[in-house]
């Protein structure tokens, strides 16, 4: 479904992505991890052209996403994106947040859009909050609404950019549970996250990035049990013993 070919990205004189070559199959769940500043969020944001690239190619379903004839709005309507911040429309109710795009972009009637939205809100455990406004929801609830809103466009691909990083610890689990259910249903997912428990349990493959490069790619089990690259080994060791250097 996704193919990156020698993708390079700069911010001024800083190279954020270095010759990234990668592929992601339909139905695959891929977690991208690495230290802060490694390029993982930049990489996922290039997949729906939130970030331009300097060189290389990105193909999604065989379509060069930088082709001159690409309809960018149409292209993005087929990719669900869940951000660190929830980005809900504060002046709209939960239900209205979830029906706006299907009505305007998919051409659904309001009745059909509301029926689909309520089913999605039920799926994420928030049907009872349909008439609430975002300000009246917890962070975890807002992020679950953001996932339901993305799913309302029936995307074949979902991207998650550190979806739990802005949440209090007790709210993280409720969001990860929804993401686990999506993965079990066969959704193609690319997830940037620091939640290594989620990666180990749910990911088909894990990519480890540092300084703009993908240094290691492996099935989740072998990634955690037998990391090959020294930088990956250090990263995982530091996660497992976060206070060892201070002792």
Protein backbone atom coordinates (compact mmCIF):
# COMPACT_ATOMS: atom_id res chain seq x y z
CA UNK A 1 0.00 0.00 0.00
CA UNK A 2 2.87 2.40 0.79
CA UNK A 3 6.24 2.63 -0.90
CA UNK A 4 8.96 5.14 -0.02
CA UNK A 5 11.91 5.36 -2.40
CA UNK A 6 15.05 7.25 -1.36
CA UNK A 7 13.04 9.92 0.47
CA UNK A 8 15.03 12.92 1.71
CA UNK A 9 13.77 15.90 3.68
CA UNK A 10 15.54 19.02 4.96
CA UNK A 11 14.61 21.81 7.34
CA UNK A 12 17.05 24.48 6.19
CA UNK A 13 20.48 22.92 6.61
CA UNK A 14 19.19 20.11 8.86
CA UNK A 15 18.43 16.83 7.11
CA UNK A 16 15.42 15.29 8.82
CA UNK A 17 15.04 12.24 6.55
CA UNK A 18 17.97 10.46 4.91
CA UNK A 19 17.41 8.09 1.97
CA UNK A 20 14.37 6.40 3.51
CA UNK A 21 13.45 3.24 1.60
CA UNK A 22 10.45 1.41 3.01
CA UNK A 23 7.31 -0.48 2.09
CA UNK A 24 4.13 -1.18 4.04
CA UNK A 25 1.69 -3.84 2.91
CA UNK A 26 -2.08 -3.62 2.92
CA UNK A 27 -3.44 -4.72 6.30
CA UNK A 28 -0.07 -4.32 8.01
CA UNK A 29 0.38 -2.52 11.33
CA UNK A 30 3.76 -0.78 11.44
CA UNK A 31 5.04 1.09 14.49
CA UNK A 32 7.76 3.71 14.04
CA UNK A 33 9.80 4.43 17.14
CA UNK A 34 13.02 6.17 18.08
CA UNK A 35 14.38 9.00 20.21
CA UNK A 36 13.04 12.55 20.00
CA UNK A 37 14.23 14.28 16.86
CA UNK A 38 14.82 11.01 15.02
CA UNK A 39 12.53 11.95 12.12
CA UNK A 40 9.65 9.59 12.88
CA UNK A 41 6.92 12.26 13.02
CA UNK A 42 8.36 13.97 9.95
CA UNK A 43 8.22 10.65 8.11
CA UNK A 44 4.57 9.94 8.92
CA UNK A 45 3.58 13.51 7.99
CA UNK A 46 5.08 13.07 4.53
CA UNK A 47 2.63 10.25 3.86
CA UNK A 48 -0.29 12.63 3.40
CA UNK A 49 1.83 15.59 2.25
CA UNK A 50 1.61 17.57 5.46
CA UNK A 51 5.39 17.79 4.98
CA UNK A 52 6.98 18.19 1.53
CA UNK A 53 10.02 16.14 0.61
CA UNK A 54 13.17 17.30 -1.14
CA UNK A 55 13.82 14.20 -3.23
CA UNK A 56 12.65 10.64 -3.72
CA UNK A 57 9.17 9.23 -4.29
CA UNK A 58 6.25 8.19 -2.14
CA UNK A 59 3.61 5.94 -3.66
CA UNK A 60 0.33 5.03 -1.98
CA UNK A 61 -1.77 2.40 -3.73
CA UNK A 62 0.53 2.90 -6.72
CA UNK A 63 -0.17 6.64 -6.90
CA UNK A 64 2.79 9.03 -6.81
CA UNK A 65 1.53 11.45 -4.16
CA UNK A 66 3.66 14.28 -5.57
CA UNK A 67 2.33 13.92 -9.12
CA UNK A 68 1.29 17.25 -10.63
CA UNK A 69 -2.21 16.01 -11.45
CA UNK A 70 -2.91 14.75 -7.93
CA UNK A 71 -6.12 16.09 -6.38
CA UNK A 72 -4.71 16.73 -2.90
CA UNK A 73 -8.06 17.06 -1.11
CA UNK A 74 -9.36 13.88 -2.70
CA UNK A 75 -6.13 12.08 -1.83
CA UNK A 76 -6.21 13.17 1.80
CA UNK A 77 -9.87 12.15 2.15
CA UNK A 78 -8.72 8.53 1.84
CA UNK A 79 -6.16 8.75 4.63
CA UNK A 80 -7.17 9.00 8.26
CA UNK A 81 -4.75 11.03 10.38
CA UNK A 82 -4.85 11.20 14.18
CA UNK A 83 -2.59 13.86 15.70
CA UNK A 84 -0.97 14.36 19.10
CA UNK A 85 -3.43 17.17 19.73
CA UNK A 86 -7.00 16.19 19.09
CA UNK A 87 -7.86 19.01 16.63
CA UNK A 88 -11.61 18.68 17.15
CA UNK A 89 -13.77 21.63 16.14
CA UNK A 90 -14.61 23.20 19.52
CA UNK A 91 -17.84 24.83 18.30
CA UNK A 92 -19.29 21.54 17.04
CA UNK A 93 -20.72 18.66 19.05
CA UNK A 94 -19.09 15.25 18.99
CA UNK A 95 -21.66 14.04 16.46
CA UNK A 96 -21.20 17.12 14.27
CA UNK A 97 -17.42 16.66 14.33
CA UNK A 98 -17.93 13.16 12.95
CA UNK A 99 -20.49 14.03 10.27
CA UNK A 100 -19.02 17.21 8.79
CA UNK A 101 -16.57 15.58 6.37
CA UNK A 102 -18.81 12.69 5.26
CA UNK A 103 -21.58 15.16 4.39
CA UNK A 104 -19.31 17.62 2.59
CA UNK A 105 -16.78 15.28 0.99
CA UNK A 106 -18.52 11.91 0.68
CA UNK A 107 -21.86 13.47 -0.20
CA UNK A 108 -23.85 11.58 2.44
CA UNK A 109 -27.21 12.81 3.60
CA UNK A 110 -27.26 14.10 7.15
CA UNK A 111 -29.35 11.12 8.26
CA UNK A 112 -26.93 8.59 6.75
CA UNK A 113 -23.89 10.44 8.07
CA UNK A 114 -25.36 10.54 11.59
CA UNK A 115 -26.23 6.84 11.45
CA UNK A 116 -22.66 5.92 10.47
CA UNK A 117 -21.18 8.36 13.00
CA UNK A 118 -23.25 6.95 15.84
CA UNK A 119 -22.07 3.44 14.96
CA UNK A 120 -18.46 4.63 15.05
CA UNK A 121 -18.97 6.50 18.32
CA UNK A 122 -20.47 3.33 19.76
CA UNK A 123 -17.40 1.44 18.56
CA UNK A 124 -15.09 3.78 20.50
CA UNK A 125 -17.40 3.74 23.53
CA UNK A 126 -18.71 7.30 23.21
CA UNK A 127 -22.18 7.11 21.69
CA UNK A 128 -23.52 8.59 24.92
CA UNK A 129 -21.39 11.72 24.33
CA UNK A 130 -22.77 12.48 20.85
CA UNK A 131 -24.34 15.79 21.89
CA UNK A 132 -21.41 16.93 24.06
CA UNK A 133 -18.88 19.55 23.03
CA UNK A 134 -15.14 18.77 23.06
CA UNK A 135 -14.51 21.03 26.04
CA UNK A 136 -16.71 18.72 28.13
CA UNK A 137 -14.66 15.61 27.31
CA UNK A 138 -11.49 14.23 28.85
CA UNK A 139 -8.36 14.06 26.74
CA UNK A 140 -8.81 10.33 26.19
CA UNK A 141 -12.40 10.83 25.10
CA UNK A 142 -11.40 13.61 22.70
CA UNK A 143 -8.78 11.39 21.10
CA UNK A 144 -11.30 8.56 20.71
CA UNK A 145 -13.67 11.02 19.01
CA UNK A 146 -10.78 12.06 16.74
CA UNK A 147 -10.31 8.41 15.75
CA UNK A 148 -14.04 8.01 15.08
CA UNK A 149 -14.00 11.21 12.99
CA UNK A 150 -11.12 9.87 10.90
CA UNK A 151 -12.88 6.53 10.41
CA UNK A 152 -16.03 8.31 9.24
CA UNK A 153 -14.35 8.89 5.89
CA UNK A 154 -13.88 5.10 5.51
CA UNK A 155 -10.14 5.42 4.88
CA UNK A 156 -8.15 2.36 3.78
CA UNK A 157 -5.15 3.75 5.68
CA UNK A 158 -4.84 5.24 9.18
CA UNK A 159 -1.85 7.27 10.37
CA UNK A 160 -1.26 8.00 14.06
CA UNK A 161 1.33 10.57 15.14
CA UNK A 162 2.01 9.94 18.85
CA UNK A 163 -1.74 9.78 19.60
CA UNK A 164 -1.26 9.26 23.35
CA UNK A 165 1.58 11.70 24.06
CA UNK A 166 -0.75 14.53 25.14
CA UNK A 167 -2.79 12.31 27.46
CA UNK A 168 -2.60 11.75 31.18
CA UNK A 169 -1.28 8.23 31.89
CA UNK A 170 -4.64 6.87 33.03
CA UNK A 171 -6.23 7.88 29.70
CA UNK A 172 -3.65 6.21 27.47
CA UNK A 173 -5.12 2.72 27.77
CA UNK A 174 -8.57 3.66 26.49
CA UNK A 175 -7.10 5.07 23.27
CA UNK A 176 -4.73 2.14 22.73
CA UNK A 177 -7.65 -0.25 23.19
CA UNK A 178 -9.49 1.35 20.27
CA UNK A 179 -6.33 1.16 18.16
CA UNK A 180 -5.89 -2.52 19.03
CA UNK A 181 -9.42 -3.21 17.82
CA UNK A 182 -8.71 -1.45 14.52
CA UNK A 183 -5.57 -3.53 14.04
CA UNK A 184 -7.48 -6.77 14.71
CA UNK A 185 -10.02 -5.74 12.05
CA UNK A 186 -7.27 -5.56 9.43
CA UNK A 187 -6.87 -1.81 9.10
CA UNK A 188 -3.59 -0.70 7.52
CA UNK A 189 -1.96 1.43 10.22
CA UNK A 190 1.25 3.39 10.60
CA UNK A 191 1.79 4.47 14.19
CA UNK A 192 4.44 6.75 15.66
CA UNK A 193 4.46 6.02 19.36
CA UNK A 194 6.53 5.68 22.51
CA UNK A 195 4.15 3.00 23.80
CA UNK A 196 6.39 -0.02 23.46
CA UNK A 197 3.86 -2.35 25.07
CA UNK A 198 1.43 -1.50 22.28
CA UNK A 199 4.15 -1.98 19.67
CA UNK A 200 5.08 -5.39 21.05
CA UNK A 201 1.49 -6.58 21.24
CA UNK A 202 -0.07 -5.13 18.09
CA UNK A 203 2.59 -4.30 15.49
CA UNK A 204 3.40 -6.62 12.63
CA UNK A 205 6.70 -4.80 12.20
CA UNK A 206 8.63 -2.12 14.06
CA UNK A 207 10.87 0.48 12.42
CA UNK A 208 13.53 2.14 14.54
CA UNK A 209 14.73 5.57 13.44
CA UNK A 210 17.59 7.80 14.53
CA UNK A 211 18.99 10.94 12.90
CA UNK A 212 16.60 10.65 9.96
CA UNK A 213 17.48 7.07 9.05
CA UNK A 214 15.65 3.78 9.48
CA UNK A 215 18.33 1.81 11.32
CA UNK A 216 16.35 -1.33 11.98
CA UNK A 217 13.18 -2.98 10.75
CA UNK A 218 11.92 -6.26 12.12
CA UNK A 219 8.86 -8.22 13.20
CA UNK A 220 7.81 -7.02 16.64
CA UNK A 221 8.89 -10.16 18.50
CA UNK A 222 12.42 -10.23 17.11
CA UNK A 223 12.74 -6.44 17.39
CA UNK A 224 12.24 -6.58 21.16
CA UNK A 225 13.94 -9.89 21.86
CA UNK A 226 16.93 -9.67 19.49
CA UNK A 227 17.57 -6.11 18.29
CA UNK A 228 20.52 -6.08 15.91
CA UNK A 229 21.63 -2.46 15.60
CA UNK A 230 23.66 -1.11 18.56
CA UNK A 231 21.59 2.09 18.62
CA UNK A 232 18.39 0.04 18.86
CA UNK A 233 19.87 -2.04 21.66
CA UNK A 234 20.75 1.10 23.63
CA UNK A 235 17.31 2.63 23.03
CA UNK A 236 15.51 -0.45 24.34
CA UNK A 237 17.90 -0.82 27.27
CA UNK A 238 17.30 2.79 28.28
CA UNK A 239 13.53 2.26 28.15
CA UNK A 240 13.76 -0.82 30.35
CA UNK A 241 16.08 0.83 32.91
CA UNK A 242 15.27 4.54 32.71
CA UNK A 243 16.94 5.44 36.01
CA UNK A 244 20.05 3.32 35.73
CA UNK A 245 22.26 6.20 34.61
CA UNK A 246 21.29 8.22 37.67
CA UNK A 247 22.10 5.48 40.17
